[in-house]
Amino acid sequence: MPVDDRFSKDFRRQDRDRFYAARSEVITGPVSDWATDFSHLDLEWIADPYSIMDSLRQECPIAHTERFGGAWLPTLHEDIAAIAYDTEHFSSRSVAVSDGRSPRELAPVGETPPITSDPPFHHAARKLLLPAFTKTAVARLEPGTRAFCHSIIDGFGERDVVDAARDYANQIPSRVIGDMLGLPPEDRQQFRELVNNLRGSDRPPARPLAERVGKLFIYLLAEVNEHVEHPREDLITYLINAELHGRKLDPKHVIGTIILLLTAGVSTAHSAIGVSLWHLAGNPRDRDRLVAEPGLLPTATEEFLRAYAPVSVGRLVKEDMHWRGVDMKAEDWVLLSFPAANRDPAQFDRADEVMIDREVNPHAAFGLGIHRCLGSHLARMEIRVALEVWLERIPAFTLMNPSAVTWSADRRPFPFASADGIAVHRRAAPPPGPHAELDTVQLAGGAAEDLLADLGGSRRPTPGF
């Protein structure tokens, strides 16, 4: 049997300096006009993007900026959906609006397929991953996920105050996706830190993104080689053995896809679980209703996803064109804010209110078009189970210090939104079965790192909170 030596060397070193090689002039400073100078990194946006979105919908539905080398911000659901479905005029080879763009020659594969892949390559790359994320496959993971959620709460012991984001929301998806990939349980904290290090600005004094990606790359390369030597039943071994068009995957494809699955797998569910608990801690009426009516939780979960959509993505304009009244240039960014799409009153009745019993809810929290999140069934399961277990074990909880919860913009490699440092004071219910009994807990508000990312976050409760 021939030896698989695809991963025997650091095959990415030769072109690592090209990562986001096409860089634009860095423009900083506060925004002067949201219609002509928007920035999703601006402190005003981070504090309250929703009021800005609302104003832009009325005054300038497609905003523009010279920042990031030129970028557009559509705020209408109709326009966001049109671009998301249009692969002829918009490329996905880079997906996080920033001062850098990956080289054109990386298309149609991109750095982290399939999210950075364009047709026709995208279809086959995505199809490879679908079997692991079907409803049936995800259902097999639910008992273990539920048991793990209980074990986390068992570990709270007699503490009155816990950080619901750090100590609970962040633990669950890293356990689930880590086990799916086949990463060692003892490495969970390490790869969680490696993923967390990818978040934040690439501007000085931050360490360059290539350096941060490189650390994760080196860790994953070692894990892939371990799987080559000792195959097992997990996603890493599956990708090592997978073929496209009769050939084994390029090693960059394998590592890039693992980075995507690990980053997206940790960040999306972490963000959604954390912000849902933040909402419930500040809205006792919603919290008490879900405790009394647990069957409403799947509906409430969809509403939390709509109201606090955790992901925004970028597209690159392929060629100069006139599009719906604006002149877009080749290589301009388009920032697809799914939070904006989900708050469009033309699409949703009482769009700015959080209605946990909203029955008709065709939200775009998992994206639109060919790049719609392939892990949506997994994320829904993780969020639902995490909330079910929390409300079962800790039916009463409040924010320790609401003003201490802050939101920050999160840019790369994928724009996710999340709230960290949600400290809560809790009052626990008698635990079921063998689980340890808990007393009281409060969600303590700390520095919430990356809750509502590129376009998503706000620390201001919206109407209905």
Protein backbone atom coordinates (compact mmCIF):
# COMPACT_ATOMS: atom_id res chain seq x y z
CA MET A 1 0.00 0.00 0.00
CA PRO A 2 1.55 3.35 -1.05
CA VAL A 3 2.53 5.76 1.71
CA ASP A 4 0.43 8.92 1.90
CA ASP A 5 3.10 11.62 2.10
CA ARG A 6 0.88 14.59 1.20
CA PHE A 7 1.21 15.97 4.71
CA SER A 8 4.84 15.12 5.37
CA LYS A 9 6.09 18.72 5.19
CA ASP A 10 4.88 22.26 5.85
CA PHE A 11 3.59 22.54 2.30
CA ARG A 12 2.10 25.97 2.92
CA ARG A 13 5.33 27.74 3.81
CA GLN A 14 6.13 28.59 0.19
CA ASP A 15 3.10 30.84 -0.20
CA ARG A 16 2.23 31.80 3.37
CA ASP A 17 3.25 35.41 2.74
CA ARG A 18 0.55 35.61 0.08
CA PHE A 19 -2.21 35.17 2.63
CA TYR A 20 -4.32 38.29 2.24
CA ALA A 21 -1.47 39.63 0.10
CA ALA A 22 -3.54 42.26 -1.73
CA ARG A 23 -3.75 44.91 0.98
CA SER A 24 -5.38 48.31 0.75
CA GLU A 25 -4.57 51.56 2.50
CA VAL A 26 -5.62 51.39 6.13
CA ILE A 27 -8.16 54.11 6.94
CA THR A 28 -8.89 54.62 10.62
CA GLY A 29 -10.77 57.17 12.69
CA PRO A 30 -14.45 57.58 13.49
CA VAL A 31 -17.08 57.31 10.79
CA SER A 32 -18.03 60.68 9.32
CA ASP A 33 -21.18 59.58 7.47
CA TRP A 34 -22.69 56.08 7.63
CA ALA A 35 -23.94 56.28 4.06
CA THR A 36 -20.54 57.12 2.54
CA ASP A 37 -17.96 56.12 5.16
CA PHE A 38 -19.33 53.09 7.05
CA SER A 39 -17.13 50.81 9.11
CA HIS A 40 -18.21 47.69 10.95
CA LEU A 41 -15.20 48.27 13.22
CA ASP A 42 -16.41 51.66 14.43
CA LEU A 43 -17.26 51.86 18.13
CA GLU A 44 -20.68 53.37 17.40
CA TRP A 45 -21.52 50.41 15.18
CA ILE A 46 -20.26 47.92 17.74
CA ALA A 47 -22.37 49.56 20.44
CA ASP A 48 -25.60 49.64 18.41
CA PRO A 49 -25.62 48.53 14.76
CA TYR A 50 -29.38 48.14 14.57
CA SER A 51 -30.29 51.83 14.71
CA ILE A 52 -27.67 52.50 12.02
CA MET A 53 -29.15 49.75 9.85
CA ASP A 54 -32.61 51.21 10.33
CA SER A 55 -31.48 54.68 9.26
CA LEU A 56 -29.61 53.38 6.23
CA ARG A 57 -32.64 51.41 5.02
CA GLN A 58 -34.58 54.66 4.90
CA GLU A 59 -31.89 57.01 3.62
CA CYS A 60 -29.30 54.92 1.73
CA PRO A 61 -30.14 51.21 1.40
CA ILE A 62 -26.74 50.41 -0.12
CA ALA A 63 -24.06 52.28 1.81
CA HIS A 64 -20.47 52.70 0.64
CA THR A 65 -17.06 53.33 2.13
CA GLU A 66 -13.53 53.90 0.85
CA ARG A 67 -12.27 51.96 3.86
CA PHE A 68 -11.02 48.41 3.32
CA GLY A 69 -10.11 49.32 -0.27
CA GLY A 70 -13.75 50.04 -1.10
CA ALA A 71 -16.81 48.26 0.28
CA TRP A 72 -20.60 48.24 -0.01
CA LEU A 73 -23.20 47.54 2.67
CA PRO A 74 -26.69 46.53 1.51
CA THR A 75 -29.24 46.73 4.31
CA LEU A 76 -32.41 45.42 2.62
CA HIS A 77 -33.19 41.71 2.83
CA GLU A 78 -34.03 41.75 -0.88
CA ASP A 79 -30.59 43.09 -1.86
CA ILE A 80 -28.66 40.88 0.57
CA ALA A 81 -30.44 37.79 -0.76
CA ALA A 82 -29.86 38.80 -4.38
CA ILE A 83 -26.10 39.09 -3.86
CA ALA A 84 -25.90 35.91 -1.79
CA TYR A 85 -27.48 33.95 -4.65
CA ASP A 86 -25.49 35.67 -7.42
CA THR A 87 -22.28 33.72 -8.00
CA GLU A 88 -21.85 35.11 -11.50
CA HIS A 89 -21.01 38.63 -10.36
CA PHE A 90 -19.76 38.07 -6.79
CA SER A 91 -16.94 35.82 -5.58
CA SER A 92 -16.53 34.12 -2.20
CA ARG A 93 -12.77 33.64 -2.35
CA SER A 94 -12.50 36.04 0.63
CA VAL A 95 -15.33 36.16 3.14
CA ALA A 96 -14.27 38.65 5.84
CA VAL A 97 -14.29 42.33 4.96
CA SER A 98 -10.88 43.69 5.89
CA ASP A 99 -7.88 45.58 4.54
CA GLY A 100 -6.66 42.45 2.72
CA ARG A 101 -7.96 40.26 -0.07
CA SER A 102 -6.73 36.78 -0.90
CA PRO A 103 -5.10 36.50 -4.33
CA ARG A 104 -7.39 36.02 -7.32
CA GLU A 105 -5.55 32.87 -8.35
CA LEU A 106 -6.86 31.12 -5.25
CA ALA A 107 -10.31 30.99 -6.86
CA PRO A 108 -12.32 28.83 -7.28
CA VAL A 109 -11.02 26.83 -4.28
CA GLY A 110 -10.06 29.53 -1.79
CA GLU A 111 -8.20 29.14 1.50
CA THR A 112 -10.94 27.33 3.46
CA PRO A 113 -13.23 25.38 1.12
CA PRO A 114 -16.13 25.24 0.65
CA ILE A 115 -16.98 28.62 2.24
CA THR A 116 -14.30 30.35 0.15
CA SER A 117 -15.04 28.32 -3.00
CA ASP A 118 -16.81 29.49 -6.15
CA PRO A 119 -18.70 27.35 -8.66
CA PRO A 120 -18.13 24.91 -10.16
CA PHE A 121 -15.64 23.70 -7.51
CA HIS A 122 -17.91 24.65 -4.61
CA HIS A 123 -20.64 22.08 -5.30
CA ALA A 124 -18.40 19.02 -5.06
CA ALA A 125 -16.44 20.38 -2.08
CA ARG A 126 -19.64 21.02 -0.14
CA LYS A 127 -21.20 17.70 -1.12
CA LEU A 128 -18.24 15.89 0.45
CA LEU A 129 -19.18 17.25 3.87
CA LEU A 130 -22.96 16.87 3.80
CA PRO A 131 -23.18 13.27 5.16
CA ALA A 132 -21.65 14.32 8.48
CA PHE A 133 -24.20 17.09 9.01
CA THR A 134 -27.54 15.53 8.08
CA LYS A 135 -30.39 15.54 10.60
CA THR A 136 -29.87 11.81 11.15
CA ALA A 137 -26.14 12.18 11.79
CA VAL A 138 -26.70 15.11 14.14
CA ALA A 139 -29.42 13.24 16.07
CA ARG A 140 -26.83 10.63 17.04
CA LEU A 141 -24.81 13.37 18.72
CA GLU A 142 -27.64 14.72 20.85
CA PRO A 143 -27.45 12.31 23.84
CA GLY A 144 -23.75 12.93 24.30
CA THR A 145 -24.21 16.68 23.93
CA ARG A 146 -26.99 16.69 26.52
CA ALA A 147 -24.91 14.66 28.98
CA PHE A 148 -21.98 17.03 28.50
CA CYS A 149 -24.18 20.07 29.18
CA HIS A 150 -25.31 18.47 32.44
CA SER A 151 -21.72 17.71 33.38
CA ILE A 152 -20.73 21.35 32.91
CA ILE A 153 -23.48 22.49 35.26
CA ASP A 154 -22.52 19.76 37.71
CA GLY A 155 -19.09 21.35 37.70
CA PHE A 156 -20.49 24.70 38.81
CA GLY A 157 -20.86 23.19 42.26
CA GLU A 158 -22.04 25.71 44.83
CA ARG A 159 -20.95 28.82 42.94
CA ASP A 160 -23.53 31.58 43.01
CA VAL A 161 -22.02 33.35 40.00
CA VAL A 162 -20.87 31.78 36.75
CA ASP A 163 -19.78 33.16 33.40
CA ALA A 164 -22.41 31.71 31.08
CA ALA A 165 -20.38 32.51 27.97
CA ARG A 166 -16.96 31.28 29.04
CA ASP A 167 -17.97 28.48 31.40
CA TYR A 168 -20.92 27.10 29.42
CA ALA A 169 -21.59 28.43 25.90
CA ASN A 170 -17.97 28.26 24.80
CA GLN A 171 -17.44 24.74 26.14
CA ILE A 172 -20.23 22.95 24.29
CA PRO A 173 -19.43 23.48 20.59
CA SER A 174 -15.71 22.96 21.07
CA ARG A 175 -16.46 19.57 22.64
CA VAL A 176 -18.88 18.58 19.87
CA ILE A 177 -16.84 19.65 16.82
CA GLY A 178 -13.60 18.51 18.44
CA ASP A 179 -15.00 15.01 18.88
CA MET A 180 -16.39 15.01 15.33
CA LEU A 181 -12.99 15.94 13.93
CA GLY A 182 -11.18 13.50 16.19
CA LEU A 183 -9.06 16.01 18.09
CA PRO A 184 -7.75 14.78 21.46
CA PRO A 185 -9.99 15.75 24.39
CA GLU A 186 -6.96 16.91 26.31
CA ASP A 187 -6.27 19.46 23.53
CA ARG A 188 -9.68 21.11 23.80
CA GLN A 189 -8.44 24.18 25.63
CA GLN A 190 -5.50 24.50 23.24
CA PHE A 191 -7.50 24.47 20.01
CA ARG A 192 -10.17 26.70 21.56
CA GLU A 193 -7.44 29.27 22.27
CA LEU A 194 -6.03 28.87 18.75
CA VAL A 195 -9.47 29.56 17.30
CA ASN A 196 -10.03 32.50 19.64
CA ASN A 197 -6.69 33.97 18.54
CA LEU A 198 -7.97 34.22 14.97
CA ARG A 199 -10.58 36.71 16.06
CA GLY A 200 -10.02 40.43 16.11
CA SER A 201 -8.28 43.02 14.01
CA ASP A 202 -5.28 42.41 11.77
CA ARG A 203 -4.17 46.00 12.23
CA PRO A 204 -1.18 46.93 14.40
CA PRO A 205 -0.50 46.31 17.22
CA ALA A 206 -2.26 42.98 16.67
CA ARG A 207 -0.13 40.08 15.51
CA PRO A 208 -0.46 39.53 11.75
CA LEU A 209 -3.23 37.15 10.75
CA ALA A 210 -0.78 34.92 8.86
CA GLU A 211 1.12 34.34 12.10
CA ARG A 212 -2.04 33.46 14.00
CA VAL A 213 -3.32 31.18 11.24
CA GLY A 214 0.14 29.60 11.09
CA LYS A 215 -0.05 28.46 14.72
CA LEU A 216 -3.38 26.75 14.09
CA PHE A 217 -2.05 25.31 10.84
CA ILE A 218 0.98 23.73 12.57
CA TYR A 219 -1.24 22.19 15.26
CA LEU A 220 -3.67 20.75 12.70
CA LEU A 221 -0.89 19.48 10.44
CA ALA A 222 0.45 17.43 13.35
CA GLU A 223 -3.04 16.06 14.01
CA VAL A 224 -3.53 15.16 10.35
CA ASN A 225 -0.24 13.29 10.29
CA GLU A 226 -1.28 11.45 13.45
CA HIS A 227 -4.48 10.42 11.66
CA VAL A 228 -2.51 9.27 8.61
CA GLU A 229 -0.51 6.99 10.89
CA HIS A 230 -3.50 5.91 13.00
CA PRO A 231 -6.77 6.17 11.04
CA ARG A 232 -10.02 6.30 12.98
CA GLU A 233 -13.71 6.98 12.48
CA ASP A 234 -13.80 10.78 12.43
CA LEU A 235 -13.92 13.74 10.05
CA ILE A 236 -10.16 14.21 9.78
CA THR A 237 -9.65 10.63 8.61
CA TYR A 238 -12.65 11.04 6.29
CA LEU A 239 -11.08 14.12 4.65
CA ILE A 240 -7.69 12.41 4.35
CA ASN A 241 -9.31 9.55 2.42
CA ALA A 242 -11.85 11.62 0.47
CA GLU A 243 -11.59 12.05 -3.29
CA LEU A 244 -12.78 14.65 -5.76
CA HIS A 245 -12.98 13.67 -9.41
CA GLY A 246 -10.99 10.50 -8.73
CA ARG A 247 -8.13 12.17 -6.86
CA LYS A 248 -7.30 12.57 -3.18
CA LEU A 249 -7.80 16.08 -1.86
CA ASP A 250 -4.97 18.58 -2.08
CA PRO A 251 -3.38 18.87 1.39
CA LYS A 252 -4.24 22.59 1.51
CA HIS A 253 -7.88 21.66 0.88
CA VAL A 254 -7.83 19.20 3.79
CA ILE A 255 -6.26 21.62 6.27
CA GLY A 256 -8.35 24.56 5.05
CA THR A 257 -11.59 22.62 5.48
CA ILE A 258 -10.59 21.50 8.98
CA ILE A 259 -9.88 25.15 9.87
CA LEU A 260 -13.33 26.07 8.55
CA LEU A 261 -15.12 23.30 10.45
CA LEU A 262 -13.26 24.04 13.67
CA THR A 263 -13.68 27.81 13.50
CA ALA A 264 -17.29 27.81 12.34
CA GLY A 265 -18.16 24.87 14.57
CA VAL A 266 -16.93 26.63 17.68
CA SER A 267 -17.93 30.22 16.95
CA THR A 268 -21.46 29.99 15.57
CA ALA A 269 -23.04 27.89 18.31
CA HIS A 270 -20.98 29.56 21.05
CA SER A 271 -22.27 32.95 19.91
CA ALA A 272 -25.89 31.85 19.64
CA ILE A 273 -25.96 30.05 23.00
CA GLY A 274 -24.29 32.95 24.76
CA VAL A 275 -26.54 35.68 23.37
CA SER A 276 -29.66 33.58 24.02
CA LEU A 277 -28.71 33.24 27.69
CA TRP A 278 -27.89 36.95 27.80
CA HIS A 279 -31.37 37.73 26.46
CA LEU A 280 -33.11 35.40 28.91
CA ALA A 281 -31.12 36.74 31.85
CA GLY A 282 -32.36 40.22 31.05
CA ASN A 283 -35.92 39.24 30.14
CA PRO A 284 -37.46 37.23 32.98
CA ARG A 285 -40.85 37.06 31.28
CA ASP A 286 -39.38 35.19 28.31
CA ARG A 287 -37.25 33.07 30.62
CA ASP A 288 -40.16 32.07 32.84
CA ARG A 289 -42.35 31.28 29.87
CA LEU A 290 -39.75 28.90 28.41
CA VAL A 291 -39.34 27.21 31.78
CA ALA A 292 -43.10 26.73 31.95
CA GLU A 293 -43.45 25.81 28.26
CA PRO A 294 -40.30 23.89 27.25
CA GLY A 295 -42.01 22.80 24.04
CA LEU A 296 -41.70 26.40 22.86
CA LEU A 297 -37.90 26.26 22.91
CA PRO A 298 -37.38 25.24 19.24
CA THR A 299 -39.50 28.23 18.16
CA ALA A 300 -37.69 30.53 20.57
CA THR A 301 -34.34 29.26 19.30
CA GLU A 302 -35.25 30.31 15.76
CA GLU A 303 -36.22 33.75 17.04
CA PHE A 304 -32.94 34.17 18.90
CA LEU A 305 -31.14 33.21 15.69
CA ARG A 306 -33.14 35.77 13.74
CA ALA A 307 -32.83 38.62 16.22
CA TYR A 308 -29.16 38.02 17.04
CA ALA A 309 -27.83 36.47 13.84
CA PRO A 310 -24.22 35.53 14.64
CA VAL A 311 -22.67 35.68 11.16
CA SER A 312 -22.02 38.21 8.40
CA VAL A 313 -19.96 37.40 5.33
CA GLY A 314 -18.12 39.24 2.61
CA ARG A 315 -18.18 38.91 -1.15
CA LEU A 316 -15.85 40.39 -3.76
CA VAL A 317 -17.16 42.06 -6.91
CA LYS A 318 -15.77 40.20 -9.92
CA GLU A 319 -15.90 42.98 -12.55
CA ASP A 320 -16.91 46.62 -12.79
CA MET A 321 -20.70 46.88 -13.04
CA HIS A 322 -23.76 48.98 -12.32
CA TRP A 323 -25.87 47.17 -9.75
CA ARG A 324 -29.23 48.43 -8.49
CA GLY A 325 -28.30 52.07 -8.77
CA VAL A 326 -24.66 51.95 -7.63
CA ASP A 327 -21.40 51.61 -9.56
CA MET A 328 -19.40 48.73 -8.13
CA LYS A 329 -15.75 48.23 -9.05
CA ALA A 330 -13.87 44.98 -9.47
CA GLU A 331 -12.46 43.80 -6.12
CA ASP A 332 -14.84 45.98 -4.10
CA TRP A 333 -16.09 44.28 -0.98
CA VAL A 334 -19.76 43.66 -0.31
CA LEU A 335 -20.58 43.04 3.33
CA LEU A 336 -23.63 40.78 3.58
CA SER A 337 -25.09 41.53 6.98
CA PHE A 338 -27.49 38.73 7.79
CA PRO A 339 -28.36 40.60 11.02
CA ALA A 340 -29.53 43.48 8.80
CA ALA A 341 -31.55 41.11 6.61
CA ASN A 342 -33.20 39.65 9.70
CA ARG A 343 -34.20 43.08 11.01
CA ASP A 344 -35.75 44.32 7.74
CA PRO A 345 -39.39 45.31 8.46
CA ALA A 346 -40.29 44.56 4.84
CA GLN A 347 -39.47 40.91 5.58
CA PHE A 348 -40.54 40.51 9.21
CA ASP A 349 -43.47 41.88 11.17
CA ARG A 350 -42.27 43.78 14.26
CA ALA A 351 -38.73 43.06 13.09
CA ASP A 352 -37.03 44.87 15.98
CA GLU A 353 -38.88 42.90 18.64
CA VAL A 354 -37.82 39.54 20.03
CA MET A 355 -40.96 37.38 19.96
CA ILE A 356 -40.17 33.91 21.27
CA ASP A 357 -43.45 32.55 19.87
CA ARG A 358 -42.93 33.95 16.33
CA GLU A 359 -44.38 31.20 14.12
CA VAL A 360 -43.41 32.40 10.62
CA ASN A 361 -39.67 32.97 10.71
CA PRO A 362 -37.77 32.52 7.41
CA HIS A 363 -34.62 34.10 8.85
CA ALA A 364 -31.21 34.26 7.24
CA ALA A 365 -29.10 33.55 10.33
CA PHE A 366 -27.39 30.64 8.57
CA GLY A 367 -26.89 32.58 5.36
CA LEU A 368 -28.53 32.41 1.95
CA GLY A 369 -27.63 30.86 -1.37
CA ILE A 370 -25.12 28.14 -2.13
CA HIS A 371 -23.04 29.00 0.93
CA ARG A 372 -25.85 28.59 3.42
CA CYS A 373 -24.34 26.99 6.55
CA LEU A 374 -24.03 23.23 6.03
CA GLY A 375 -23.81 22.79 9.80
CA SER A 376 -27.18 24.41 10.54
CA HIS A 377 -28.72 21.16 11.86
CA LEU A 378 -25.76 20.73 14.21
CA ALA A 379 -25.89 24.33 15.43
CA ARG A 380 -29.64 24.14 16.03
CA MET A 381 -29.22 20.96 18.06
CA GLU A 382 -26.40 22.43 20.16
CA ILE A 383 -28.32 25.64 20.87
CA ARG A 384 -31.59 23.89 21.69
CA VAL A 385 -30.01 21.27 23.95
CA ALA A 386 -27.81 23.85 25.70
CA LEU A 387 -30.84 26.00 26.48
CA GLU A 388 -33.03 23.04 27.48
CA VAL A 389 -30.45 21.78 29.97
CA TRP A 390 -29.68 25.24 31.34
CA LEU A 391 -33.35 26.11 31.90
CA GLU A 392 -34.02 22.69 33.40
CA ARG A 393 -31.14 23.00 35.85
CA ILE A 394 -31.04 26.78 36.34
CA PRO A 395 -34.57 28.11 35.82
CA ALA A 396 -33.90 31.45 37.53
CA PHE A 397 -30.90 33.61 36.71
CA THR A 398 -30.13 37.29 36.25
CA LEU A 399 -27.29 39.39 34.90
CA MET A 400 -24.87 40.42 37.61
CA ASN A 401 -23.97 43.69 35.92
CA PRO A 402 -25.69 44.40 32.57
CA SER A 403 -23.55 47.47 31.92
CA ALA A 404 -20.39 45.36 32.13
CA VAL A 405 -21.37 43.27 29.10
CA THR A 406 -19.71 44.74 26.02
CA TRP A 407 -19.62 43.77 22.37
CA SER A 408 -16.68 43.88 20.03
CA ALA A 409 -16.19 43.63 16.28
CA ASP A 410 -14.64 40.41 15.04
CA ARG A 411 -13.21 40.31 11.59
CA ARG A 412 -11.24 37.29 10.59
CA PRO A 413 -10.92 34.66 9.21
CA PHE A 414 -14.71 34.49 9.46
CA PRO A 415 -16.93 37.21 10.83
CA PHE A 416 -18.75 35.78 13.81
CA ALA A 417 -20.51 37.57 16.58
CA SER A 418 -20.54 36.50 20.18
CA ALA A 419 -20.81 37.68 23.75
CA ASP A 420 -18.25 36.65 26.30
CA GLY A 421 -18.12 37.39 29.99
CA ILE A 422 -21.86 37.00 30.62
CA ALA A 423 -21.78 36.61 34.38
CA VAL A 424 -25.03 35.46 35.91
CA HIS A 425 -26.46 34.93 39.33
CA ARG A 426 -28.38 31.67 39.34
CA ARG A 427 -31.01 29.86 41.34
CA ALA A 428 -30.92 26.20 40.41
CA ALA A 429 -33.73 23.69 40.26
CA PRO A 430 -33.31 20.20 41.73
CA PRO A 431 -31.27 18.32 39.12
CA PRO A 432 -32.68 15.27 37.36
CA GLY A 433 -31.22 11.85 38.02
CA PRO A 434 -27.66 11.67 39.30
CA HIS A 435 -26.71 15.27 38.64
CA ALA A 436 -25.51 17.32 41.56
CA GLU A 437 -27.85 19.83 43.15
CA LEU A 438 -27.23 23.53 42.56
CA ASP A 439 -28.26 26.59 44.47
CA THR A 440 -28.16 30.06 42.95
CA VAL A 441 -26.33 31.58 40.01
CA GLN A 442 -26.10 34.95 38.38
CA LEU A 443 -24.84 35.68 34.89
CA ALA A 444 -21.97 38.03 35.55
CA GLY A 445 -21.34 40.55 32.81
CA GLY A 446 -17.72 40.72 31.83
CA ALA A 447 -15.85 41.82 28.73
CA ALA A 448 -17.88 40.23 25.96
CA GLU A 449 -15.38 39.41 23.27
CA ASP A 450 -16.82 38.92 19.80
CA LEU A 451 -20.53 38.35 20.23
CA LEU A 452 -22.04 40.00 17.27
CA ALA A 453 -19.25 40.05 14.85
CA ASP A 454 -18.68 41.84 11.66
CA LEU A 455 -22.17 43.25 11.58
CA GLY A 456 -23.96 41.75 14.38
CA GLY A 457 -23.54 43.07 17.82
CA SER A 458 -25.27 45.40 20.10
CA ARG A 459 -25.20 45.82 23.84
CA ARG A 460 -28.46 47.82 23.75
CA PRO A 461 -31.59 45.74 24.27
CA THR A 462 -34.03 46.07 21.41
CA PRO A 463 -37.75 46.67 21.94
CA GLY A 464 -39.31 43.67 23.61
CA PHE A 465 -36.31 42.79 25.79
